[in-house]
Amino acid sequence: MIQATISRNSDGQVTAFKMTGHADSGAYGQDIVCAAVSVLAISTVNGIEQVAHLKPTIQSDETNGGLLIADFSKLDLANEQLQTLLASFTLGLNDVAANYGDFITVREQTR
């Protein structure tokens, strides 16, 4: 199961996201939940880098448990493009979880 955590500050701005695990909703290469979550995460990070021109801190390990951590805390969190891209990511992730809840959980935390 994929476990996703969206971290927010006290102003409600997304400061980081973390995803661990594997969906295991289908055979390797045919796992639509994994594909959906991967596309959302990669597109969001690419958008932040190429559209908002910001460089988040990224940690990943696909082999040992499917880990992706994207940390935005050292960036200008008030950047409208950054928060818009992260809001879109959060909506998409929650939509995948609403439709495939056996394979992904999403939680939010305030730091």
PDB file of N, CA and C in Angstrom:
ATOM      1  N   MET A   1       0.835  -1.177   0.000  1.00  0.00           N
ATOM      2  CA  MET A   1       0.000   0.000   0.000  1.00  0.00           C
ATOM      3  C   MET A   1       0.881   1.242   0.000  1.00  0.00           C
ATOM      4  N   ILE A   2       0.473   2.254  -0.764  1.00  0.00           N
ATOM      5  CA  ILE A   2       1.157   3.545  -0.758  1.00  0.00           C
ATOM      6  C   ILE A   2       0.602   4.363   0.393  1.00  0.00           C
ATOM      7  N   GLN A   3       1.492   4.934   1.178  1.00  0.00           N
ATOM      8  CA  GLN A   3       1.093   5.833   2.249  1.00  0.00           C
ATOM      9  C   GLN A   3       1.665   7.198   1.925  1.00  0.00           C
ATOM     10  N   ALA A   4       0.768   8.162   1.745  1.00  0.00           N
ATOM     11  CA  ALA A   4       1.176   9.522   1.400  1.00  0.00           C
ATOM     12  C   ALA A   4       0.837  10.460   2.547  1.00  0.00           C
ATOM     13  N   THR A   5       1.766  11.351   2.848  1.00  0.00           N
ATOM     14  CA  THR A   5       1.558  12.359   3.880  1.00  0.00           C
ATOM     15  C   THR A   5       1.855  13.725   3.284  1.00  0.00           C
ATOM     16  N   ILE A   6       0.899  14.631   3.433  1.00  0.00           N
ATOM     17  CA  ILE A   6       1.061  16.021   3.013  1.00  0.00           C
ATOM     18  C   ILE A   6       1.292  16.837   4.280  1.00  0.00           C
ATOM     19  N   SER A   7       2.408  17.535   4.366  1.00  0.00           N
ATOM     20  CA  SER A   7       2.712  18.365   5.533  1.00  0.00           C
ATOM     21  C   SER A   7       2.412  19.819   5.216  1.00  0.00           C
ATOM     22  N   ARG A   8       1.770  20.480   6.168  1.00  0.00           N
ATOM     23  CA  ARG A   8       1.427  21.891   6.025  1.00  0.00           C
ATOM     24  C   ARG A   8       1.951  22.671   7.235  1.00  0.00           C
ATOM     25  N   ASN A   9       2.186  23.960   7.020  1.00  0.00           N
ATOM     26  CA  ASN A   9       2.533  24.817   8.149  1.00  0.00           C
ATOM     27  C   ASN A   9       1.248  25.385   8.753  1.00  0.00           C
ATOM     28  N   SER A  10       1.384  26.208   9.762  1.00  0.00           N
ATOM     29  CA  SER A  10       0.207  26.737  10.453  1.00  0.00           C
ATOM     30  C   SER A  10      -0.625  27.671   9.570  1.00  0.00           C
ATOM     31  N   ASP A  11      -0.055  28.149   8.464  1.00  0.00           N
ATOM     32  CA  ASP A  11      -0.792  28.986   7.512  1.00  0.00           C
ATOM     33  C   ASP A  11      -1.514  28.156   6.453  1.00  0.00           C
ATOM     34  N   GLY A  12      -1.372  26.838   6.516  1.00  0.00           N
ATOM     35  CA  GLY A  12      -2.015  25.949   5.554  1.00  0.00           C
ATOM     36  C   GLY A  12      -1.222  25.713   4.287  1.00  0.00           C
ATOM     37  N   GLN A  13      -0.029  26.270   4.207  1.00  0.00           N
ATOM     38  CA  GLN A  13       0.807  26.076   3.025  1.00  0.00           C
ATOM     39  C   GLN A  13       1.473  24.702   3.079  1.00  0.00           C
ATOM     40  N   VAL A  14       1.513  24.022   1.938  1.00  0.00           N
ATOM     41  CA  VAL A  14       2.185  22.731   1.869  1.00  0.00           C
ATOM     42  C   VAL A  14       3.685  22.968   1.984  1.00  0.00           C
ATOM     43  N   THR A  15       4.313  22.248   2.919  1.00  0.00           N
ATOM     44  CA  THR A  15       5.753  22.379   3.139  1.00  0.00           C
ATOM     45  C   THR A  15       6.528  21.157   2.664  1.00  0.00           C
ATOM     46  N   ALA A  16       5.821  20.024   2.488  1.00  0.00           N
ATOM     47  CA  ALA A  16       6.486  18.784   2.063  1.00  0.00           C
ATOM     48  C   ALA A  16       5.429  17.735   1.739  1.00  0.00           C
ATOM     49  N   PHE A  17       5.847  16.719   0.987  1.00  0.00           N
ATOM     50  CA  PHE A  17       5.051  15.507   0.903  1.00  0.00           C
ATOM     51  C   PHE A  17       5.983  14.310   0.941  1.00  0.00           C
ATOM     52  N   LYS A  18       5.434  13.221   1.469  1.00  0.00           N
ATOM     53  CA  LYS A  18       6.196  11.979   1.591  1.00  0.00           C
ATOM     54  C   LYS A  18       5.304  10.839   1.126  1.00  0.00           C
ATOM     55  N   MET A  19       5.858   9.965   0.308  1.00  0.00           N
ATOM     56  CA  MET A  19       5.140   8.775  -0.137  1.00  0.00           C
ATOM     57  C   MET A  19       6.044   7.566   0.066  1.00  0.00           C
ATOM     58  N   THR A  20       5.463   6.516   0.641  1.00  0.00           N
ATOM     59  CA  THR A  20       6.203   5.274   0.850  1.00  0.00           C
ATOM     60  C   THR A  20       5.341   4.100   0.419  1.00  0.00           C
ATOM     61  N   GLY A  21       5.999   3.009   0.096  1.00  0.00           N
ATOM     62  CA  GLY A  21       5.309   1.778  -0.228  1.00  0.00           C
ATOM     63  C   GLY A  21       5.017   1.608  -1.702  1.00  0.00           C
ATOM     64  N   HIS A  22       4.365   0.502  -1.993  1.00  0.00           N
ATOM     65  CA  HIS A  22       3.979   0.162  -3.355  1.00  0.00           C
ATOM     66  C   HIS A  22       2.492  -0.164  -3.359  1.00  0.00           C
ATOM     67  N   ALA A  23       1.794   0.212  -4.400  1.00  0.00           N
ATOM     68  CA  ALA A  23       0.345  -0.007  -4.467  1.00  0.00           C
ATOM     69  C   ALA A  23       0.006  -1.483  -4.567  1.00  0.00           C
ATOM     70  N   ASP A  24       0.740  -2.206  -5.377  1.00  0.00           N
ATOM     71  CA  ASP A  24       0.462  -3.635  -5.610  1.00  0.00           C
ATOM     72  C   ASP A  24      -0.975  -3.870  -6.079  1.00  0.00           C
ATOM     73  N   SER A  25      -1.475  -2.967  -6.927  1.00  0.00           N
ATOM     74  CA  SER A  25      -2.842  -3.133  -7.447  1.00  0.00           C
ATOM     75  C   SER A  25      -2.869  -3.927  -8.751  1.00  0.00           C
ATOM     76  N   GLY A  26      -1.700  -4.254  -9.251  1.00  0.00           N
ATOM     77  CA  GLY A  26      -1.617  -5.020 -10.494  1.00  0.00           C
ATOM     78  C   GLY A  26      -0.202  -5.511 -10.689  1.00  0.00           C
ATOM     79  N   ALA A  27      -0.004  -6.282 -11.723  1.00  0.00           N
ATOM     80  CA  ALA A  27       1.325  -6.797 -12.044  1.00  0.00           C
ATOM     81  C   ALA A  27       2.275  -5.644 -12.340  1.00  0.00           C
ATOM     82  N   TYR A  28       3.563  -5.888 -12.117  1.00  0.00           N
ATOM     83  CA  TYR A  28       4.574  -4.878 -12.413  1.00  0.00           C
ATOM     84  C   TYR A  28       4.397  -4.399 -13.854  1.00  0.00           C
ATOM     85  N   GLY A  29       4.349  -3.092 -14.031  1.00  0.00           N
ATOM     86  CA  GLY A  29       4.157  -2.514 -15.358  1.00  0.00           C
ATOM     87  C   GLY A  29       2.698  -2.335 -15.729  1.00  0.00           C
ATOM     88  N   GLN A  30       1.794  -2.875 -14.909  1.00  0.00           N
ATOM     89  CA  GLN A  30       0.363  -2.738 -15.177  1.00  0.00           C
ATOM     90  C   GLN A  30      -0.391  -2.218 -13.954  1.00  0.00           C
ATOM     91  N   ASP A  31       0.332  -1.683 -13.001  1.00  0.00           N
ATOM     92  CA  ASP A  31      -0.246  -1.183 -11.751  1.00  0.00           C
ATOM     93  C   ASP A  31      -0.724   0.255 -11.973  1.00  0.00           C
ATOM     94  N   ILE A  32      -2.038   0.421 -12.191  1.00  0.00           N
ATOM     95  CA  ILE A  32      -2.562   1.751 -12.539  1.00  0.00           C
ATOM     96  C   ILE A  32      -2.523   2.731 -11.367  1.00  0.00           C
ATOM     97  N   VAL A  33      -2.596   2.238 -10.145  1.00  0.00           N
ATOM     98  CA  VAL A  33      -2.509   3.131  -8.990  1.00  0.00           C
ATOM     99  C   VAL A  33      -1.090   3.673  -8.867  1.00  0.00           C
ATOM    100  N   CYS A  34      -0.114   2.803  -8.991  1.00  0.00           N
ATOM    101  CA  CYS A  34       1.281   3.230  -8.964  1.00  0.00           C
ATOM    102  C   CYS A  34       1.553   4.243 -10.075  1.00  0.00           C
ATOM    103  N   ALA A  35       1.048   3.938 -11.256  1.00  0.00           N
ATOM    104  CA  ALA A  35       1.259   4.836 -12.399  1.00  0.00           C
ATOM    105  C   ALA A  35       0.630   6.202 -12.140  1.00  0.00           C
ATOM    106  N   ALA A  36      -0.583   6.224 -11.625  1.00  0.00           N
ATOM    107  CA  ALA A  36      -1.269   7.489 -11.372  1.00  0.00           C
ATOM    108  C   ALA A  36      -0.522   8.327 -10.339  1.00  0.00           C
ATOM    109  N   VAL A  37      -0.133   7.699  -9.247  1.00  0.00           N
ATOM    110  CA  VAL A  37       0.569   8.406  -8.181  1.00  0.00           C
ATOM    111  C   VAL A  37       1.941   8.883  -8.659  1.00  0.00           C
ATOM    112  N   SER A  38       2.625   8.046  -9.403  1.00  0.00           N
ATOM    113  CA  SER A  38       3.938   8.425  -9.928  1.00  0.00           C
ATOM    114  C   SER A  38       3.844   9.613 -10.864  1.00  0.00           C
ATOM    115  N   VAL A  39       2.873   9.594 -11.764  1.00  0.00           N
ATOM    116  CA  VAL A  39       2.701  10.707 -12.703  1.00  0.00           C
ATOM    117  C   VAL A  39       2.373  11.994 -11.959  1.00  0.00           C
ATOM    118  N   LEU A  40       1.489  11.908 -10.973  1.00  0.00           N
ATOM    119  CA  LEU A  40       1.151  13.099 -10.193  1.00  0.00           C
ATOM    120  C   LEU A  40       2.392  13.677  -9.513  1.00  0.00           C
ATOM    121  N   ALA A  41       3.164  12.822  -8.853  1.00  0.00           N
ATOM    122  CA  ALA A  41       4.335  13.297  -8.116  1.00  0.00           C
ATOM    123  C   ALA A  41       5.408  13.860  -9.041  1.00  0.00           C
ATOM    124  N   ILE A  42       5.729  13.133 -10.099  1.00  0.00           N
ATOM    125  CA  ILE A  42       6.782  13.578 -11.013  1.00  0.00           C
ATOM    126  C   ILE A  42       6.366  14.852 -11.742  1.00  0.00           C
ATOM    127  N   SER A  43       5.125  14.921 -12.189  1.00  0.00           N
ATOM    128  CA  SER A  43       4.645  16.127 -12.869  1.00  0.00           C
ATOM    129  C   SER A  43       4.656  17.335 -11.944  1.00  0.00           C
ATOM    130  N   THR A  44       4.313  17.108 -10.685  1.00  0.00           N
ATOM    131  CA  THR A  44       4.315  18.215  -9.727  1.00  0.00           C
ATOM    132  C   THR A  44       5.727  18.734  -9.492  1.00  0.00           C
ATOM    133  N   VAL A  45       6.653  17.825  -9.235  1.00  0.00           N
ATOM    134  CA  VAL A  45       8.038  18.251  -9.007  1.00  0.00           C
ATOM    135  C   VAL A  45       8.602  18.925 -10.254  1.00  0.00           C
ATOM    136  N   ASN A  46       8.336  18.356 -11.433  1.00  0.00           N
ATOM    137  CA  ASN A  46       8.805  18.982 -12.674  1.00  0.00           C
ATOM    138  C   ASN A  46       8.196  20.364 -12.861  1.00  0.00           C
ATOM    139  N   GLY A  47       6.916  20.505 -12.560  1.00  0.00           N
ATOM    140  CA  GLY A  47       6.253  21.804 -12.667  1.00  0.00           C
ATOM    141  C   GLY A  47       6.845  22.828 -11.719  1.00  0.00           C
ATOM    142  N   ILE A  48       7.139  22.410 -10.506  1.00  0.00           N
ATOM    143  CA  ILE A  48       7.747  23.321  -9.534  1.00  0.00           C
ATOM    144  C   ILE A  48       9.109  23.781 -10.033  1.00  0.00           C
ATOM    145  N   GLU A  49       9.870  22.860 -10.591  1.00  0.00           N
ATOM    146  CA  GLU A  49      11.199  23.218 -11.082  1.00  0.00           C
ATOM    147  C   GLU A  49      11.148  24.043 -12.362  1.00  0.00           C
ATOM    148  N   GLN A  50      10.269  23.678 -13.303  1.00  0.00           N
ATOM    149  CA  GLN A  50      10.290  24.306 -14.619  1.00  0.00           C
ATOM    150  C   GLN A  50       9.316  25.468 -14.785  1.00  0.00           C
ATOM    151  N   VAL A  51       8.236  25.478 -14.017  1.00  0.00           N
ATOM    152  CA  VAL A  51       7.263  26.567 -14.128  1.00  0.00           C
ATOM    153  C   VAL A  51       7.500  27.615 -13.042  1.00  0.00           C
ATOM    154  N   ALA A  52       7.612  27.151 -11.788  1.00  0.00           N
ATOM    155  CA  ALA A  52       7.828  28.080 -10.680  1.00  0.00           C
ATOM    156  C   ALA A  52       9.305  28.448 -10.517  1.00  0.00           C
ATOM    157  N   HIS A  53      10.184  27.717 -11.206  1.00  0.00           N
ATOM    158  CA  HIS A  53      11.635  27.953 -11.152  1.00  0.00           C
ATOM    159  C   HIS A  53      12.170  27.865  -9.723  1.00  0.00           C
ATOM    160  N   LEU A  54      11.706  26.839  -9.003  1.00  0.00           N
ATOM    161  CA  LEU A  54      12.158  26.575  -7.650  1.00  0.00           C
ATOM    162  C   LEU A  54      12.755  25.171  -7.607  1.00  0.00           C
ATOM    163  N   LYS A  55      13.669  24.948  -6.683  1.00  0.00           N
ATOM    164  CA  LYS A  55      14.352  23.659  -6.589  1.00  0.00           C
ATOM    165  C   LYS A  55      14.086  23.035  -5.212  1.00  0.00           C
ATOM    166  N   PRO A  56      13.082  22.141  -5.130  1.00  0.00           N
ATOM    167  CA  PRO A  56      12.823  21.479  -3.854  1.00  0.00           C
ATOM    168  C   PRO A  56      13.907  20.464  -3.528  1.00  0.00           C
ATOM    169  N   THR A  57      13.985  20.079  -2.267  1.00  0.00           N
ATOM    170  CA  THR A  57      14.883  19.018  -1.838  1.00  0.00           C
ATOM    171  C   THR A  57      14.140  17.698  -2.038  1.00  0.00           C
ATOM    172  N   ILE A  58      14.728  16.793  -2.813  1.00  0.00           N
ATOM    173  CA  ILE A  58      14.091  15.526  -3.152  1.00  0.00           C
ATOM    174  C   ILE A  58      14.930  14.378  -2.625  1.00  0.00           C
ATOM    175  N   GLN A  59      14.263  13.408  -2.012  1.00  0.00           N
ATOM    176  CA  GLN A  59      14.900  12.163  -1.591  1.00  0.00           C
ATOM    177  C   GLN A  59      14.049  11.031  -2.142  1.00  0.00           C
ATOM    178  N   SER A  60      14.677  10.069  -2.811  1.00  0.00           N
ATOM    179  CA  SER A  60      13.912   8.943  -3.359  1.00  0.00           C
ATOM    180  C   SER A  60      14.695   7.653  -3.244  1.00  0.00           C
ATOM    181  N   ASP A  61      13.939   6.576  -3.153  1.00  0.00           N
ATOM    182  CA  ASP A  61      14.504   5.230  -3.119  1.00  0.00           C
ATOM    183  C   ASP A  61      13.413   4.289  -3.615  1.00  0.00           C
ATOM    184  N   GLU A  62      13.419   4.004  -4.908  1.00  0.00           N
ATOM    185  CA  GLU A  62      12.395   3.163  -5.507  1.00  0.00           C
ATOM    186  C   GLU A  62      12.563   1.690  -5.147  1.00  0.00           C
ATOM    187  N   THR A  63      13.767   1.294  -4.825  1.00  0.00           N
ATOM    188  CA  THR A  63      14.054  -0.110  -4.569  1.00  0.00           C
ATOM    189  C   THR A  63      13.566  -0.560  -3.193  1.00  0.00           C
ATOM    190  N   ASN A  64      13.914   0.188  -2.178  1.00  0.00           N
ATOM    191  CA  ASN A  64      13.632  -0.218  -0.797  1.00  0.00           C
ATOM    192  C   ASN A  64      12.355   0.427  -0.264  1.00  0.00           C
ATOM    193  N   GLY A  65      11.221  -0.003  -0.759  1.00  0.00           N
ATOM    194  CA  GLY A  65       9.959   0.465  -0.201  1.00  0.00           C
ATOM    195  C   GLY A  65       9.315   1.616  -0.917  1.00  0.00           C
ATOM    196  N   GLY A  66       9.825   2.005  -2.051  1.00  0.00           N
ATOM    197  CA  GLY A  66       9.184   3.066  -2.813  1.00  0.00           C
ATOM    198  C   GLY A  66       9.074   4.360  -2.042  1.00  0.00           C
ATOM    199  N   LEU A  67      10.168   5.027  -1.785  1.00  0.00           N
ATOM    200  CA  LEU A  67      10.199   6.253  -0.993  1.00  0.00           C
ATOM    201  C   LEU A  67      10.371   7.472  -1.892  1.00  0.00           C
ATOM    202  N   LEU A  68       9.542   8.480  -1.660  1.00  0.00           N
ATOM    203  CA  LEU A  68       9.730   9.791  -2.292  1.00  0.00           C
ATOM    204  C   LEU A  68       9.372  10.847  -1.266  1.00  0.00           C
ATOM    205  N   ILE A  69      10.342  11.707  -0.961  1.00  0.00           N
ATOM    206  CA  ILE A  69      10.111  12.841  -0.075  1.00  0.00           C
ATOM    207  C   ILE A  69      10.461  14.096  -0.861  1.00  0.00           C
ATOM    208  N   ALA A  70       9.527  15.031  -0.909  1.00  0.00           N
ATOM    209  CA  ALA A  70       9.759  16.333  -1.536  1.00  0.00           C
ATOM    210  C   ALA A  70       9.579  17.391  -0.454  1.00  0.00           C
ATOM    211  N   ASP A  71      10.639  18.125  -0.174  1.00  0.00           N
ATOM    212  CA  ASP A  71      10.632  19.123   0.892  1.00  0.00           C
ATOM    213  C   ASP A  71      10.721  20.517   0.273  1.00  0.00           C
ATOM    214  N   PHE A  72       9.751  21.353   0.626  1.00  0.00           N
ATOM    215  CA  PHE A  72       9.673  22.704   0.080  1.00  0.00           C
ATOM    216  C   PHE A  72       9.955  23.757   1.152  1.00  0.00           C
ATOM    217  N   SER A  73      10.303  23.319   2.356  1.00  0.00           N
ATOM    218  CA  SER A  73      10.399  24.227   3.502  1.00  0.00           C
ATOM    219  C   SER A  73      11.469  25.306   3.339  1.00  0.00           C
ATOM    220  N   LYS A  74      12.467  25.079   2.504  1.00  0.00           N
ATOM    221  CA  LYS A  74      13.520  26.078   2.303  1.00  0.00           C
ATOM    222  C   LYS A  74      13.209  27.018   1.138  1.00  0.00           C
ATOM    223  N   LEU A  75      12.037  26.840   0.535  1.00  0.00           N
ATOM    224  CA  LEU A  75      11.619  27.672  -0.593  1.00  0.00           C
ATOM    225  C   LEU A  75      10.696  28.782  -0.113  1.00  0.00           C
ATOM    226  N   ASP A  76      10.368  29.686  -1.001  1.00  0.00           N
ATOM    227  CA  ASP A  76       9.389  30.740  -0.707  1.00  0.00           C
ATOM    228  C   ASP A  76       8.007  30.098  -0.711  1.00  0.00           C
ATOM    229  N   LEU A  77       7.509  29.735   0.469  1.00  0.00           N
ATOM    230  CA  LEU A  77       6.239  29.027   0.565  1.00  0.00           C
ATOM    231  C   LEU A  77       5.052  29.887   0.146  1.00  0.00           C
ATOM    232  N   ALA A  78       5.234  31.187   0.106  1.00  0.00           N
ATOM    233  CA  ALA A  78       4.159  32.084  -0.329  1.00  0.00           C
ATOM    234  C   ALA A  78       4.077  32.166  -1.855  1.00  0.00           C
ATOM    235  N   ASN A  79       5.000  31.522  -2.555  1.00  0.00           N
ATOM    236  CA  ASN A  79       4.991  31.537  -4.012  1.00  0.00           C
ATOM    237  C   ASN A  79       3.690  30.919  -4.521  1.00  0.00           C
ATOM    238  N   GLU A  80       2.934  31.708  -5.255  1.00  0.00           N
ATOM    239  CA  GLU A  80       1.608  31.281  -5.709  1.00  0.00           C
ATOM    240  C   GLU A  80       1.673  30.080  -6.651  1.00  0.00           C
ATOM    241  N   GLN A  81       2.648  30.061  -7.548  1.00  0.00           N
ATOM    242  CA  GLN A  81       2.771  28.927  -8.464  1.00  0.00           C
ATOM    243  C   GLN A  81       3.081  27.641  -7.696  1.00  0.00           C
ATOM    244  N   LEU A  82       3.959  27.739  -6.713  1.00  0.00           N
ATOM    245  CA  LEU A  82       4.306  26.578  -5.897  1.00  0.00           C
ATOM    246  C   LEU A  82       3.064  26.019  -5.211  1.00  0.00           C
ATOM    247  N   GLN A  83       2.325  26.856  -4.535  1.00  0.00           N
ATOM    248  CA  GLN A  83       1.163  26.385  -3.785  1.00  0.00           C
ATOM    249  C   GLN A  83       0.034  25.919  -4.705  1.00  0.00           C
ATOM    250  N   THR A  84      -0.105  26.526  -5.881  1.00  0.00           N
ATOM    251  CA  THR A  84      -1.120  26.077  -6.840  1.00  0.00           C
ATOM    252  C   THR A  84      -0.784  24.684  -7.355  1.00  0.00           C
ATOM    253  N   LEU A  85       0.479  24.457  -7.696  1.00  0.00           N
ATOM    254  CA  LEU A  85       0.895  23.131  -8.153  1.00  0.00           C
ATOM    255  C   LEU A  85       0.714  22.082  -7.052  1.00  0.00           C
ATOM    256  N   LEU A  86       1.033  22.438  -5.824  1.00  0.00           N
ATOM    257  CA  LEU A  86       0.875  21.502  -4.715  1.00  0.00           C
ATOM    258  C   LEU A  86      -0.591  21.263  -4.369  1.00  0.00           C
ATOM    259  N   ALA A  87      -1.440  22.272  -4.546  1.00  0.00           N
ATOM    260  CA  ALA A  87      -2.885  22.079  -4.330  1.00  0.00           C
ATOM    261  C   ALA A  87      -3.441  21.116  -5.375  1.00  0.00           C
ATOM    262  N   SER A  88      -2.994  21.263  -6.614  1.00  0.00           N
ATOM    263  CA  SER A  88      -3.425  20.359  -7.676  1.00  0.00           C
ATOM    264  C   SER A  88      -2.953  18.933  -7.394  1.00  0.00           C
ATOM    265  N   PHE A  89      -1.717  18.792  -6.949  1.00  0.00           N
ATOM    266  CA  PHE A  89      -1.179  17.478  -6.587  1.00  0.00           C
ATOM    267  C   PHE A  89      -2.017  16.835  -5.479  1.00  0.00           C
ATOM    268  N   THR A  90      -2.330  17.606  -4.456  1.00  0.00           N
ATOM    269  CA  THR A  90      -3.108  17.102  -3.326  1.00  0.00           C
ATOM    270  C   THR A  90      -4.497  16.665  -3.769  1.00  0.00           C
ATOM    271  N   LEU A  91      -5.132  17.452  -4.618  1.00  0.00           N
ATOM    272  CA  LEU A  91      -6.455  17.076  -5.139  1.00  0.00           C
ATOM    273  C   LEU A  91      -6.381  15.768  -5.922  1.00  0.00           C
ATOM    274  N   GLY A  92      -5.394  15.656  -6.783  1.00  0.00           N
ATOM    275  CA  GLY A  92      -5.237  14.442  -7.589  1.00  0.00           C
ATOM    276  C   GLY A  92      -4.965  13.220  -6.736  1.00  0.00           C
ATOM    277  N   LEU A  93      -4.107  13.369  -5.743  1.00  0.00           N
ATOM    278  CA  LEU A  93      -3.772  12.260  -4.860  1.00  0.00           C
ATOM    279  C   LEU A  93      -5.002  11.804  -4.071  1.00  0.00           C
ATOM    280  N   ASN A  94      -5.766  12.767  -3.562  1.00  0.00           N
ATOM    281  CA  ASN A  94      -6.987  12.425  -2.824  1.00  0.00           C
ATOM    282  C   ASN A  94      -8.027  11.772  -3.725  1.00  0.00           C
ATOM    283  N   ASP A  95      -8.072  12.157  -4.986  1.00  0.00           N
ATOM    284  CA  ASP A  95      -8.998  11.533  -5.928  1.00  0.00           C
ATOM    285  C   ASP A  95      -8.614  10.076  -6.184  1.00  0.00           C
ATOM    286  N   VAL A  96      -7.318   9.813  -6.341  1.00  0.00           N
ATOM    287  CA  VAL A  96      -6.860   8.434  -6.514  1.00  0.00           C
ATOM    288  C   VAL A  96      -7.219   7.624  -5.269  1.00  0.00           C
ATOM    289  N   ALA A  97      -7.000   8.192  -4.088  1.00  0.00           N
ATOM    290  CA  ALA A  97      -7.312   7.485  -2.844  1.00  0.00           C
ATOM    291  C   ALA A  97      -8.809   7.231  -2.696  1.00  0.00           C
ATOM    292  N   ALA A  98      -9.639   8.163  -3.154  1.00  0.00           N
ATOM    293  CA  ALA A  98     -11.091   7.984  -3.068  1.00  0.00           C
ATOM    294  C   ALA A  98     -11.552   6.829  -3.955  1.00  0.00           C
ATOM    295  N   ASN A  99     -10.878   6.626  -5.062  1.00  0.00           N
ATOM    296  CA  ASN A  99     -11.266   5.576  -6.003  1.00  0.00           C
ATOM    297  C   ASN A  99     -10.541   4.250  -5.790  1.00  0.00           C
ATOM    298  N   TYR A 100      -9.386   4.290  -5.148  1.00  0.00           N
ATOM    299  CA  TYR A 100      -8.563   3.089  -4.974  1.00  0.00           C
ATOM    300  C   TYR A 100      -8.031   3.007  -3.537  1.00  0.00           C
ATOM    301  N   GLY A 101      -8.911   3.197  -2.584  1.00  0.00           N
ATOM    302  CA  GLY A 101      -8.548   3.249  -1.178  1.00  0.00           C
ATOM    303  C   GLY A 101      -7.914   1.985  -0.621  1.00  0.00           C
ATOM    304  N   ASP A 102      -8.057   0.871  -1.317  1.00  0.00           N
ATOM    305  CA  ASP A 102      -7.398  -0.362  -0.864  1.00  0.00           C
ATOM    306  C   ASP A 102      -5.898  -0.341  -1.138  1.00  0.00           C
ATOM    307  N   PHE A 103      -5.457   0.627  -1.934  1.00  0.00           N
ATOM    308  CA  PHE A 103      -4.068   0.633  -2.378  1.00  0.00           C
ATOM    309  C   PHE A 103      -3.289   1.892  -1.993  1.00  0.00           C
ATOM    310  N   ILE A 104      -3.997   2.925  -1.486  1.00  0.00           N
ATOM    311  CA  ILE A 104      -3.337   4.171  -1.119  1.00  0.00           C
ATOM    312  C   ILE A 104      -4.107   4.870  -0.010  1.00  0.00           C
ATOM    313  N   THR A 105      -3.355   5.411   0.946  1.00  0.00           N
ATOM    314  CA  THR A 105      -3.944   6.267   1.973  1.00  0.00           C
ATOM    315  C   THR A 105      -3.238   7.615   1.908  1.00  0.00           C
ATOM    316  N   VAL A 106      -3.997   8.664   2.132  1.00  0.00           N
ATOM    317  CA  VAL A 106      -3.445  10.025   2.142  1.00  0.00           C
ATOM    318  C   VAL A 106      -3.847  10.654   3.467  1.00  0.00           C
ATOM    319  N   ARG A 107      -2.869  11.234   4.128  1.00  0.00           N
ATOM    320  CA  ARG A 107      -3.181  11.975   5.349  1.00  0.00           C
ATOM    321  C   ARG A 107      -2.466  13.311   5.303  1.00  0.00           C
ATOM    322  N   GLU A 108      -3.002  14.239   6.052  1.00  0.00           N
ATOM    323  CA  GLU A 108      -2.383  15.561   6.142  1.00  0.00           C
ATOM    324  C   GLU A 108      -1.988  15.814   7.573  1.00  0.00           C
ATOM    325  N   GLN A 109      -0.877  16.505   7.735  1.00  0.00           N
ATOM    326  CA  GLN A 109      -0.414  16.869   9.062  1.00  0.00           C
ATOM    327  C   GLN A 109       0.035  18.317   9.067  1.00  0.00           C
ATOM    328  N   THR A 110      -0.123  18.957  10.198  1.00  0.00           N
ATOM    329  CA  THR A 110       0.350  20.342  10.369  1.00  0.00           C
ATOM    330  C   THR A 110       1.564  20.305  11.248  1.00  0.00           C
ATOM    331  N   ARG A 111       2.600  20.973  10.790  1.00  0.00           N
ATOM    332  CA  ARG A 111       3.843  21.032  11.584  1.00  0.00           C
ATOM    333  C   ARG A 111       3.995  22.389  12.194  1.00  0.00           C
TER     334      ARG A 111
END
